[in-house]
């Protein structure tokens, strides 16, 4: 669903260095996590999905 990817991109654009991010059980969580870990800025993140 392309609109979910757009929502995820918008959410990730709000994250700045030093921020703490909690991703709730939203339907776009996988897209958000994928974008965060693929970004050069956030490469060191460890993301656990349950």
Protein backbone atom coordinates (compact mmCIF):
# COMPACT_ATOMS: atom_id res chain seq x y z
CA UNK A 1 0.00 0.00 0.00
CA UNK A 2 1.81 3.09 -1.23
CA UNK A 3 0.05 5.45 1.17
CA UNK A 4 1.50 3.58 4.16
CA UNK A 5 5.02 4.09 2.80
CA UNK A 6 4.27 7.82 2.47
CA UNK A 7 3.04 7.95 6.07
CA UNK A 8 6.17 6.09 7.21
CA UNK A 9 8.45 8.51 5.31
CA UNK A 10 6.69 11.47 6.94
CA UNK A 11 7.04 9.93 10.40
CA UNK A 12 10.74 9.12 9.92
CA UNK A 13 11.40 12.67 8.70
CA UNK A 14 10.36 13.93 12.15
CA UNK A 15 13.00 11.84 13.95
CA UNK A 16 16.15 13.76 14.79
CA UNK A 17 19.50 12.58 16.15
CA UNK A 18 19.25 11.83 19.87
CA UNK A 19 15.50 11.20 19.80
CA UNK A 20 13.96 8.16 21.44
CA UNK A 21 11.37 6.45 19.28
CA UNK A 22 8.63 4.12 20.43
CA UNK A 23 6.72 2.41 17.65
CA UNK A 24 3.35 1.20 18.86
CA UNK A 25 1.27 -1.50 17.20
CA UNK A 26 0.33 0.74 14.29
CA UNK A 27 -0.19 -0.76 10.86
CA UNK A 28 2.77 1.14 9.40
CA UNK A 29 5.29 -0.05 12.02
CA UNK A 30 7.20 -2.32 9.64
CA UNK A 31 7.58 0.42 7.03
CA UNK A 32 8.77 2.88 9.69
CA UNK A 33 11.29 0.40 11.11
CA UNK A 34 12.58 -0.47 7.62
CA UNK A 35 13.13 3.18 6.78
CA UNK A 36 14.83 3.91 10.10
CA UNK A 37 17.36 1.10 9.84
CA UNK A 38 18.06 1.74 6.15
CA UNK A 39 18.85 5.41 6.75
CA UNK A 40 22.58 6.23 7.10
CA UNK A 41 21.81 8.40 10.13
CA UNK A 42 20.09 5.59 11.99
CA UNK A 43 22.26 2.64 10.90
CA UNK A 44 23.35 1.94 14.46
CA UNK A 45 19.79 1.45 15.67
CA UNK A 46 18.65 -1.86 16.98
CA UNK A 47 14.96 -2.39 16.37
CA UNK A 48 13.01 -5.22 17.94
CA UNK A 49 9.65 -6.10 16.46
CA UNK A 50 7.33 -8.33 18.43
